[in-house]
C-alpha atoms as a PDB file:
ATOM      1  CA  MET A   1     -29.136  32.193 -35.253  1.00  0.00           C
ATOM      2  CA  LYS A   2     -26.622  34.511 -33.618  1.00  0.00           C
ATOM      3  CA  GLN A   3     -27.919  33.425 -30.203  1.00  0.00           C
ATOM      4  CA  LYS A   4     -27.331  29.728 -31.059  1.00  0.00           C
ATOM      5  CA  ILE A   5     -23.741  30.429 -32.134  1.00  0.00           C
ATOM      6  CA  ILE A   6     -23.023  32.334 -28.914  1.00  0.00           C
ATOM      7  CA  THR A   7     -24.561  29.501 -26.845  1.00  0.00           C
ATOM      8  CA  LEU A   8     -22.519  26.889 -28.744  1.00  0.00           C
ATOM      9  CA  ILE A   9     -19.279  28.845 -28.258  1.00  0.00           C
ATOM     10  CA  THR A  10     -20.062  29.250 -24.533  1.00  0.00           C
ATOM     11  CA  VAL A  11     -20.729  25.514 -24.119  1.00  0.00           C
ATOM     12  CA  ILE A  12     -17.499  24.610 -25.945  1.00  0.00           C
ATOM     13  CA  PHE A  13     -15.560  27.100 -23.824  1.00  0.00           C
ATOM     14  CA  ILE A  14     -16.981  25.693 -20.563  1.00  0.00           C
ATOM     15  CA  ALA A  15     -16.286  22.110 -21.694  1.00  0.00           C
ATOM     16  CA  GLY A  16     -12.707  23.079 -22.507  1.00  0.00           C
ATOM     17  CA  LEU A  17     -12.231  24.634 -19.079  1.00  0.00           C
ATOM     18  CA  MET A  18     -13.683  21.559 -17.374  1.00  0.00           C
ATOM     19  CA  SER A  19     -11.295  19.335 -19.347  1.00  0.00           C
ATOM     20  CA  LEU A  20      -8.336  21.400 -18.174  1.00  0.00           C
ATOM     21  CA  VAL A  21      -9.514  21.119 -14.565  1.00  0.00           C
ATOM     22  CA  VAL A  22      -9.862  17.322 -14.833  1.00  0.00           C
ATOM     23  CA  ILE A  23      -6.447  16.929 -16.482  1.00  0.00           C
ATOM     24  CA  GLY A  24      -4.869  19.198 -13.861  1.00  0.00           C
ATOM     25  CA  SER A  25      -6.419  17.296 -10.949  1.00  0.00           C
ATOM     26  CA  ASN A  26      -5.269  13.943 -12.368  1.00  0.00           C
ATOM     27  CA  ASN A  27      -1.720  15.250 -12.656  1.00  0.00           C
ATOM     28  CA  LYS A  28      -1.893  16.594  -9.103  1.00  0.00           C
ATOM     29  CA  GLU A  29      -3.129  13.221  -7.777  1.00  0.00           C
ATOM     30  CA  LYS A  30      -0.241  11.500  -9.560  1.00  0.00           C
ATOM     31  CA  GLN A  31       2.234  13.987  -8.098  1.00  0.00           C
ATOM     32  CA  VAL A  32       0.830  13.451  -4.592  1.00  0.00           C
ATOM     33  CA  ALA A  33       1.060   9.663  -5.022  1.00  0.00           C
ATOM     34  CA  ASP A  34       4.645   9.959  -6.279  1.00  0.00           C
ATOM     35  CA  GLN A  35       5.538  12.217  -3.344  1.00  0.00           C
ATOM     36  CA  LYS A  36       4.029   9.684  -0.920  1.00  0.00           C
ATOM     37  CA  LEU A  37       6.109   6.922  -2.489  1.00  0.00           C
ATOM     38  CA  GLU A  38       9.252   9.028  -2.143  1.00  0.00           C
ATOM     39  CA  SER A  39       8.478   9.776   1.506  1.00  0.00           C
ATOM     40  CA  LEU A  40       7.917   6.045   2.113  1.00  0.00           C
ATOM     41  CA  LYS A  41      11.323   5.269   0.644  1.00  0.00           C
ATOM     42  CA  ALA A  42      12.959   7.726   3.005  1.00  0.00           C
ATOM     43  CA  GLY A  43      10.920   6.854   6.083  1.00  0.00           C
ATOM     44  CA  GLU A  44      10.058   4.146   8.528  1.00  0.00           C
ATOM     45  CA  PRO A  45       8.976   0.611   7.588  1.00  0.00           C
ATOM     46  CA  VAL A  46       5.335   0.180   6.575  1.00  0.00           C
ATOM     47  CA  PHE A  47       3.428  -3.012   7.392  1.00  0.00           C
ATOM     48  CA  TYR A  48       0.442  -3.615   5.077  1.00  0.00           C
ATOM     49  CA  TYR A  49      -2.151  -6.088   6.310  1.00  0.00           C
ATOM     50  CA  GLY A  50      -5.714  -7.255   5.794  1.00  0.00           C
ATOM     51  CA  ASN A  51      -8.142  -7.144   8.687  1.00  0.00           C
ATOM     52  CA  THR A  52      -9.278 -10.738   8.062  1.00  0.00           C
ATOM     53  CA  CYS A  53      -5.924 -12.158   6.950  1.00  0.00           C
ATOM     54  CA  PRO A  54      -4.856 -15.052   9.222  1.00  0.00           C
ATOM     55  CA  HIS A  55      -1.173 -14.698   8.333  1.00  0.00           C
ATOM     56  CA  CYS A  56      -1.322 -10.996   9.154  1.00  0.00           C
ATOM     57  CA  LYS A  57      -2.759 -11.902  12.558  1.00  0.00           C
ATOM     58  CA  GLU A  58       0.245 -14.193  13.140  1.00  0.00           C
ATOM     59  CA  VAL A  59       2.629 -11.339  12.412  1.00  0.00           C
ATOM     60  CA  GLU A  60       0.631  -8.941  14.589  1.00  0.00           C
ATOM     61  CA  GLU A  61       0.688 -11.439  17.464  1.00  0.00           C
ATOM     62  CA  TRP A  62       4.441 -11.814  17.036  1.00  0.00           C
ATOM     63  CA  PHE A  63       4.729  -8.004  17.136  1.00  0.00           C
ATOM     64  CA  LYS A  64       2.790  -7.939  20.427  1.00  0.00           C
ATOM     65  CA  THR A  65       4.655 -10.849  22.007  1.00  0.00           C
ATOM     66  CA  ASN A  66       8.020  -9.320  21.173  1.00  0.00           C
ATOM     67  CA  LYS A  67       6.942  -5.712  21.850  1.00  0.00           C
ATOM     68  CA  ILE A  68       8.170  -4.676  18.418  1.00  0.00           C
ATOM     69  CA  ALA A  69       6.285  -1.351  18.415  1.00  0.00           C
ATOM     70  CA  GLU A  70       8.179  -0.358  21.567  1.00  0.00           C
ATOM     71  CA  LYS A  71      11.527  -1.149  19.951  1.00  0.00           C
ATOM     72  CA  ILE A  72      11.216   0.214  16.419  1.00  0.00           C
ATOM     73  CA  LYS A  73       8.941   2.765  14.810  1.00  0.00           C
ATOM     74  CA  PHE A  74       6.861   1.510  11.882  1.00  0.00           C
ATOM     75  CA  SER A  75       3.464   2.184  10.326  1.00  0.00           C
ATOM     76  CA  GLN A  76       0.612  -0.282   9.929  1.00  0.00           C
ATOM     77  CA  LYS A  77      -1.860   0.147   7.070  1.00  0.00           C
ATOM     78  CA  GLU A  78      -4.974  -1.963   6.506  1.00  0.00           C
ATOM     79  CA  VAL A  79      -5.644  -2.641   2.794  1.00  0.00           C
ATOM     80  CA  TYR A  80      -8.856  -4.695   2.565  1.00  0.00           C
ATOM     81  CA  ASP A  81     -11.185  -1.905   3.667  1.00  0.00           C
ATOM     82  CA  ASN A  82      -9.066   1.151   2.861  1.00  0.00           C
ATOM     83  CA  ARG A  83      -8.889   2.037  -0.829  1.00  0.00           C
ATOM     84  CA  GLN A  84      -6.142   4.617  -0.339  1.00  0.00           C
ATOM     85  CA  ASN A  85      -3.893   2.156   1.518  1.00  0.00           C
ATOM     86  CA  ALA A  86      -4.581  -0.521  -1.120  1.00  0.00           C
ATOM     87  CA  ALA A  87      -3.576   1.882  -3.899  1.00  0.00           C
ATOM     88  CA  GLU A  88      -0.440   2.798  -1.963  1.00  0.00           C
ATOM     89  CA  LEU A  89       0.420  -0.887  -1.548  1.00  0.00           C
ATOM     90  CA  SER A  90       0.004  -1.371  -5.287  1.00  0.00           C
ATOM     91  CA  LYS A  91       2.404   1.508  -6.052  1.00  0.00           C
ATOM     92  CA  VAL A  92       4.942   0.245  -3.526  1.00  0.00           C
ATOM     93  CA  ALA A  93       4.801  -3.281  -4.950  1.00  0.00           C
ATOM     94  CA  ALA A  94       5.189  -1.927  -8.493  1.00  0.00           C
ATOM     95  CA  SER A  95       8.251   0.060  -7.364  1.00  0.00           C
ATOM     96  CA  CYS A  96       9.780  -3.271  -6.282  1.00  0.00           C
ATOM     97  CA  GLY A  97       8.954  -4.850  -9.637  1.00  0.00           C
ATOM     98  CA  LEU A  98       6.183  -7.065  -8.237  1.00  0.00           C
ATOM     99  CA  ASP A  99       3.049  -7.994 -10.160  1.00  0.00           C
ATOM    100  CA  THR A 100       0.327  -5.763  -8.718  1.00  0.00           C
ATOM    101  CA  ALA A 101      -2.395  -8.257  -9.692  1.00  0.00           C
ATOM    102  CA  SER A 102      -1.090 -10.830  -7.223  1.00  0.00           C
ATOM    103  CA  ILE A 103       0.140  -8.806  -4.275  1.00  0.00           C
ATOM    104  CA  GLY A 104      -0.112 -10.705  -1.007  1.00  0.00           C
ATOM    105  CA  VAL A 105      -0.364  -9.653   2.589  1.00  0.00           C
ATOM    106  CA  PRO A 106       1.231  -9.534   5.051  1.00  0.00           C
ATOM    107  CA  PHE A 107       3.533  -7.154   3.195  1.00  0.00           C
ATOM    108  CA  LEU A 108       6.363  -5.025   4.565  1.00  0.00           C
ATOM    109  CA  TYR A 109       8.072  -2.158   2.795  1.00  0.00           C
ATOM    110  CA  ALA A 110      11.340  -1.280   4.500  1.00  0.00           C
ATOM    111  CA  GLU A 111      14.632   0.174   3.341  1.00  0.00           C
ATOM    112  CA  ASP A 112      13.547   0.178  -0.347  1.00  0.00           C
ATOM    113  CA  GLU A 113      12.732  -3.520  -0.093  1.00  0.00           C
ATOM    114  CA  CYS A 114       9.430  -5.385  -0.375  1.00  0.00           C
ATOM    115  CA  LEU A 115       8.924  -8.383   1.894  1.00  0.00           C
ATOM    116  CA  VAL A 116       5.879 -10.614   1.511  1.00  0.00           C
ATOM    117  CA  GLY A 117       4.801 -13.260   4.020  1.00  0.00           C
ATOM    118  CA  THR A 118       5.130 -14.067   7.675  1.00  0.00           C
ATOM    119  CA  PRO A 119       8.648 -15.594   7.594  1.00  0.00           C
ATOM    120  CA  ASP A 120      10.227 -12.689   5.705  1.00  0.00           C
ATOM    121  CA  ILE A 121       8.579 -10.002   7.823  1.00  0.00           C
ATOM    122  CA  ILE A 122       9.373 -11.669  11.142  1.00  0.00           C
ATOM    123  CA  GLY A 123      12.876 -12.357   9.848  1.00  0.00           C
ATOM    124  CA  TYR A 124      13.369  -8.680   8.980  1.00  0.00           C
ATOM    125  CA  PHE A 125      12.376  -7.442  12.436  1.00  0.00           C
ATOM    126  CA  SER A 126      14.266 -10.267  14.168  1.00  0.00           C
ATOM    127  CA  LYS A 127      17.461  -9.395  12.342  1.00  0.00           C
ATOM    128  CA  LYS A 128      16.952  -5.663  12.816  1.00  0.00           C
ATOM    129  CA  LEU A 129      16.394  -6.041  16.555  1.00  0.00           C
ATOM    130  CA  ASN A 130      18.638  -9.076  17.093  1.00  0.00           C
ATOM    131  CA  ILE A 131      15.900 -11.229  18.611  1.00  0.00           C
ATOM    132  CA  GLU A 132      14.902 -14.865  18.200  1.00  0.00           C
ATOM    133  CA  ALA A 133      12.557 -15.190  15.191  1.00  0.00           C
ATOM    134  CA  SER A 134      10.678 -18.228  16.463  1.00  0.00           C
ATOM    135  CA  SER A 135       9.770 -16.850  19.894  1.00  0.00           C
ATOM    136  CA  SER A 136       6.026 -16.789  19.134  1.00  0.00           C
ATOM    137  CA  ALA A 137       5.069 -17.672  15.580  1.00  0.00           C
ATOM    138  CA  ALA A 138       6.857 -20.432  13.759  1.00  0.00           C
ATOM    139  CA  PRO A 139       7.690 -18.636  10.489  1.00  0.00           C
ATOM    140  CA  GLU A 140       8.849 -21.750   8.695  1.00  0.00           C
ATOM    141  CA  ALA A 141       5.451 -23.355   9.257  1.00  0.00           C
ATOM    142  CA  THR A 142       3.428 -20.515   7.719  1.00  0.00           C
ATOM    143  CA  GLN A 143       2.648 -19.741   4.115  1.00  0.00           C
ATOM    144  CA  ALA A 144       4.272 -16.775   2.400  1.00  0.00           C
ATOM    145  CA  GLY A 145       1.079 -14.737   2.560  1.00  0.00           C
ATOM    146  CA  ILE A 146      -2.472 -14.748   1.320  1.00  0.00           C
ATOM    147  CA  LYS A 147      -3.270 -13.569  -2.171  1.00  0.00           C
ATOM    148  CA  LEU A 148      -5.565 -10.576  -2.392  1.00  0.00           C
ATOM    149  CA  GLU A 149      -8.662 -10.964  -4.532  1.00  0.00           C
ATOM    150  CA  GLY A 150      -7.769  -8.946  -7.598  1.00  0.00           C
ATOM    151  CA  THR A 151      -5.790  -5.743  -7.560  1.00  0.00           C
ATOM    152  CA  PRO A 152      -5.787  -3.594  -4.440  1.00  0.00           C
ATOM    153  CA  SER A 153      -8.076  -1.047  -6.071  1.00  0.00           C
ATOM    154  CA  ALA A 154     -10.574  -3.800  -6.907  1.00  0.00           C
ATOM    155  CA  ILE A 155     -10.620  -5.031  -3.317  1.00  0.00           C
ATOM    156  CA  ASN A 156     -12.337  -1.940  -2.031  1.00  0.00           C
ATOM    157  CA  ASN A 157     -14.779  -1.271  -4.878  1.00  0.00           C
END
């Protein structure tokens, strides 16, 4: 009987310790995500795209044609196949007050602003660099972006 009580107390103690570890790691993950969001706000523009998104391809072609990467520093993050980037996109969109269930790409986060769709993204870089927006892609002829299937975390299983 005494052995059963000692075993029970040991199991409860171990379960309690494991709970504390899980709670601590969840808080740490949240802190890391919050720190990433803060560093994004203070840093360079971030272009979120999907590897099979036709509108994203239009923006990428416009970037190449106008040599945007040579003129301004920005990050590019793929969200269809990268769970971490998709989660980051969701947090960024939420920080702009956007519905995370219907986030579209192409998506640009720059200067604490969220821009969705080919015309807005090309317009941002055109204005920033004082170049003609219609030099490659015709932004007014494209849709505002393609809706992701579900939330970013659901995209990548």
